Protein backbone atom coordinates (compact mmCIF):
# COMPACT_ATOMS: atom_id res chain seq x y z
CA MET A 1 56.59 -162.85 -109.50
CA GLY A 2 57.60 -166.35 -110.64
CA ASN A 3 59.94 -169.21 -109.99
CA THR A 4 62.41 -170.58 -112.51
CA SER A 5 65.54 -172.71 -112.47
CA LYS A 6 68.88 -171.08 -111.81
CA SER A 7 72.12 -172.72 -112.88
CA ASN A 8 74.75 -172.59 -110.14
CA THR A 9 78.53 -172.60 -110.37
CA MET A 10 78.59 -176.35 -110.95
CA GLY A 11 76.84 -175.82 -114.26
CA TRP A 12 73.58 -177.62 -113.64
CA PRO A 13 70.17 -176.29 -112.55
CA PHE A 14 69.98 -176.75 -108.79
CA GLU A 15 66.23 -176.30 -108.54
CA THR A 16 65.34 -178.63 -111.37
CA HIS A 17 67.67 -181.58 -111.01
CA ILE A 18 68.14 -182.29 -107.32
CA SER A 19 66.13 -185.37 -106.47
CA SER A 20 64.97 -186.31 -103.00
CA MET A 21 67.55 -185.76 -100.28
CA GLY A 22 65.12 -187.06 -97.67
CA VAL A 23 66.68 -185.03 -94.87
CA SER A 24 64.96 -184.25 -91.61
CA LYS A 25 65.94 -182.29 -88.54
CA ALA A 26 64.00 -182.14 -85.29
CA HIS A 27 64.89 -179.94 -82.35
CA VAL A 28 64.54 -181.43 -78.88
CA GLY A 29 64.79 -178.39 -76.61
CA THR A 30 67.86 -176.60 -77.93
CA ARG A 31 69.57 -179.78 -79.12
CA VAL A 32 69.15 -181.78 -82.28
CA GLN A 33 68.99 -185.57 -82.18
CA GLU A 34 69.77 -187.08 -85.56
CA THR A 35 70.71 -190.35 -87.21
CA THR A 36 72.01 -190.51 -90.75
CA ARG A 37 71.45 -192.81 -93.71
CA ALA A 38 71.94 -192.42 -97.46
CA SER A 39 68.82 -191.60 -99.48
CA PHE A 40 69.40 -189.57 -102.62
CA ASP A 41 70.00 -189.82 -106.32
CA PRO A 42 73.64 -191.04 -106.52
CA PRO A 43 75.01 -188.71 -109.24
CA VAL A 44 73.67 -185.61 -107.50
CA GLY A 45 74.23 -186.91 -104.00
CA ASP A 46 77.87 -187.75 -104.71
CA ARG A 47 78.53 -184.18 -105.79
CA LEU A 48 76.66 -182.47 -102.97
CA GLY A 49 77.03 -184.93 -100.11
CA TYR A 50 73.34 -184.95 -99.22
CA SER A 51 72.16 -187.52 -96.73
CA SER A 52 68.97 -188.49 -94.96
CA GLN A 53 68.52 -187.74 -91.29
CA THR A 54 65.76 -188.95 -89.01
CA ALA A 55 65.04 -187.81 -85.46
CA ASP A 56 64.48 -190.58 -82.92
CA SER A 57 62.16 -188.29 -80.95
CA TRP A 58 59.43 -188.73 -83.59
CA GLY A 59 57.02 -191.63 -83.91
CA LYS A 60 58.15 -194.29 -86.38
CA HIS A 61 55.00 -194.24 -88.53
CA SER A 62 54.82 -190.45 -88.66
CA MET A 63 58.50 -190.03 -89.49
CA THR A 64 58.46 -192.71 -92.17
CA SER A 65 55.51 -191.08 -93.89
CA LEU A 66 56.96 -187.57 -93.73
CA ASN A 67 60.34 -188.80 -94.92
CA GLU A 68 58.77 -189.78 -98.22
CA ILE A 69 58.23 -186.08 -98.97
CA THR A 70 61.04 -184.61 -101.09
CA ASN A 71 63.84 -183.16 -98.95
CA PHE A 72 61.82 -183.15 -95.73
CA VAL A 73 63.47 -181.24 -92.87
CA GLN A 74 61.76 -180.79 -89.50
CA LEU A 75 63.58 -177.57 -88.75
CA THR A 76 61.90 -176.77 -85.42
CA GLU A 77 59.17 -178.49 -83.46
CA ASP A 78 56.54 -176.34 -85.16
CA ILE A 79 58.07 -175.80 -88.63
CA GLY A 80 58.32 -178.59 -91.18
CA THR A 81 59.94 -177.94 -94.55
CA SER A 82 60.31 -179.75 -97.86
CA GLY A 83 60.44 -179.65 -101.60
CA GLN A 84 57.18 -180.01 -103.55
CA PRO A 85 54.89 -182.57 -101.88
CA ARG A 86 52.77 -184.85 -104.04
CA PRO A 87 49.00 -184.30 -103.76
CA GLU A 88 48.45 -187.29 -101.47
CA GLN A 89 51.26 -186.20 -99.17
CA PHE A 90 49.30 -183.18 -98.00
CA ASP A 91 47.09 -185.68 -96.16
CA VAL A 92 50.18 -186.81 -94.24
CA ILE A 93 51.05 -183.19 -93.47
CA ALA A 94 47.52 -182.51 -92.20
CA ASP A 95 47.62 -185.70 -90.11
CA GLY A 96 50.87 -184.43 -88.60
CA GLY A 97 48.99 -181.55 -87.01
CA TYR A 98 50.13 -178.80 -89.36
CA ALA A 99 47.69 -175.90 -89.46
CA ALA A 100 49.07 -174.05 -92.49
CA VAL A 101 51.08 -174.52 -95.67
CA VAL A 102 53.29 -171.79 -97.12
CA ASN A 103 54.40 -172.29 -100.73
CA LEU A 104 57.40 -170.33 -102.09
CA ALA A 105 57.43 -171.98 -105.53
CA LEU A 106 56.00 -170.75 -108.82
CA PRO A 107 52.78 -172.23 -110.22
CA THR A 108 54.87 -173.29 -113.23
CA SER A 109 57.64 -174.93 -111.18
CA ASP A 110 58.50 -178.59 -111.63
CA HIS A 111 55.73 -180.81 -110.23
CA ALA A 112 53.60 -177.81 -109.19
CA ILE A 113 50.00 -178.67 -108.33
CA SER A 114 47.55 -176.35 -110.05
CA ASP A 115 44.89 -176.68 -107.35
CA GLU A 116 47.24 -176.86 -104.37
CA GLY A 117 45.44 -174.06 -102.54
CA SER A 118 42.05 -175.76 -102.67
CA LEU A 119 43.63 -179.11 -101.87
CA VAL A 120 45.28 -177.73 -98.74
CA THR A 121 42.26 -175.76 -97.51
CA GLY A 122 40.05 -178.77 -98.19
CA LEU A 123 42.12 -180.63 -95.60
CA GLY A 124 41.44 -177.91 -93.03
CA MET A 125 44.77 -176.10 -93.32
CA SER A 126 45.38 -172.47 -94.26
CA TYR A 127 47.29 -171.80 -97.47
CA PHE A 128 49.69 -168.99 -98.38
CA HIS A 129 51.50 -168.65 -101.71
CA ILE A 130 54.50 -166.37 -102.24
CA PRO A 131 55.89 -167.18 -105.70
CA VAL A 132 59.62 -166.42 -105.40
CA LYS A 133 61.75 -166.20 -108.52
CA PHE A 134 64.75 -168.44 -107.99
CA GLU A 135 66.93 -166.08 -110.02
CA GLU A 136 65.60 -162.98 -108.24
CA PRO A 137 64.56 -163.39 -104.59
CA THR A 138 63.62 -159.99 -103.17
CA VAL A 139 63.57 -158.31 -99.79
CA ASP A 140 59.84 -157.71 -100.33
CA ASP A 141 59.36 -161.47 -100.75
CA LEU A 142 61.18 -162.01 -97.48
CA ARG A 143 59.17 -159.33 -95.64
CA THR A 144 55.92 -160.89 -96.86
CA PHE A 145 57.11 -164.30 -95.72
CA ILE A 146 58.14 -163.06 -92.29
CA GLY A 147 54.77 -161.32 -91.88
CA ILE A 148 52.95 -164.55 -92.65
CA MET A 149 55.14 -166.60 -90.31
CA ARG A 150 54.58 -164.09 -87.52
CA SER A 151 50.82 -164.36 -88.03
CA LEU A 152 51.06 -168.14 -87.70
CA GLU A 153 53.14 -168.25 -84.52
CA GLY A 154 51.79 -170.82 -82.10
CA LYS A 155 50.68 -173.09 -84.95
CA LYS A 156 52.49 -175.86 -86.80
CA VAL A 157 53.46 -174.63 -90.26
CA TRP A 158 54.69 -176.51 -93.34
CA VAL A 159 56.85 -174.47 -95.72
CA HIS A 160 57.83 -175.80 -99.14
CA CYS A 161 59.21 -174.77 -102.53
CA VAL A 162 60.59 -177.07 -105.25
CA VAL A 163 63.53 -178.73 -103.47
CA ASN A 164 63.62 -176.85 -100.12
CA ALA A 165 66.35 -174.43 -101.27
CA ARG A 166 64.42 -171.13 -101.20
CA VAL A 167 62.76 -172.26 -97.99
CA SER A 168 66.06 -172.90 -96.23
CA ALA A 169 67.25 -169.33 -96.99
CA PHE A 170 63.97 -167.63 -96.08
CA LEU A 171 63.62 -169.55 -92.84
CA TYR A 172 67.20 -168.78 -91.90
CA HIS A 173 66.32 -165.09 -91.71
CA TYR A 174 63.03 -165.70 -89.89
CA LEU A 175 64.56 -167.97 -87.27
CA ARG A 176 67.71 -165.88 -86.80
CA HIS A 177 66.23 -162.38 -86.80
CA VAL A 178 62.66 -162.89 -85.57
CA ARG A 179 62.86 -165.87 -83.26
CA HIS A 180 66.45 -165.05 -82.34
CA LEU A 181 67.67 -168.63 -82.56
CA ASP A 182 71.41 -169.13 -82.73
CA GLU A 183 73.23 -169.53 -86.04
CA ASP A 184 73.28 -173.32 -86.01
CA ALA A 185 69.63 -173.70 -85.05
CA SER A 186 68.61 -171.32 -87.84
CA ARG A 187 70.41 -173.23 -90.57
CA SER A 188 68.75 -176.17 -92.30
CA VAL A 189 70.91 -179.08 -93.39
CA VAL A 190 69.76 -178.21 -96.92
CA LEU A 191 71.22 -174.72 -96.53
CA GLU A 192 74.49 -176.17 -95.21
CA ARG A 193 74.89 -178.29 -98.35
CA TRP A 194 73.70 -175.62 -100.75
CA GLN A 195 75.62 -172.59 -99.50
CA PRO A 196 79.09 -173.57 -100.84
CA GLN A 197 77.56 -173.63 -104.35
CA MET A 198 75.28 -170.59 -104.09
CA ASP A 199 75.46 -167.97 -106.81
CA ASP A 200 76.07 -164.32 -105.93
CA ILE A 201 72.35 -163.51 -105.86
CA TRP A 202 71.52 -166.03 -103.16
CA SER A 203 74.74 -165.35 -101.26
CA ALA A 204 73.76 -161.68 -101.05
CA PHE A 205 70.23 -162.63 -100.01
CA LEU A 206 71.54 -164.84 -97.23
CA ALA A 207 73.85 -162.04 -96.05
CA LEU A 208 71.01 -159.52 -95.60
CA LYS A 209 71.20 -157.73 -92.26
CA LYS A 210 68.29 -157.23 -89.91
CA ASP A 211 68.02 -153.51 -90.69
CA GLU A 212 68.12 -154.20 -94.44
CA ILE A 213 65.10 -156.45 -94.03
CA GLY A 214 63.35 -153.78 -91.99
CA LEU A 215 63.19 -155.68 -88.72
């Protein structure tokens, strides 16, 4: 399996050209506390309406550091998500108490780190790589992902791809169908912005029912 760019209906490659949205989302109980500020590449941001959100329940130093990671979203208290971190940013992730990193991007994706696995495990975290083709996400990919996430329950997990697009769709199914969170709590702000522009492949993937996934 691999991971390549997919042009959406707007005529530009979503995976390749979105720069940092800098979004974050932290759940406090069943509620989300957020503040908003602009932090994105203007030409892309103007078209998609991406913004940056920070949760006031997090420590200032920790949040500032994590916010430097491309498209960071703290989706639940134990699941952090993002686009591709830079090598030095895995130190920040480890310092944040994350026990594992799950990578859904291809080794040949933009800004991929060839030795990411050894880098992550060298920091004391577990590493899992599911290379998902952006133009062809599969139910088998999703089942593998859900199996890994189930095995990591009770631990803090960081999930990333290239720009946090794949991740937002995969985690929607995990949170909705496995953790049984409500619709809003299962949806990343990245997914909210991306969905109106999704192609038919990803729209069908997002619409998968629980029985179709085999849950």
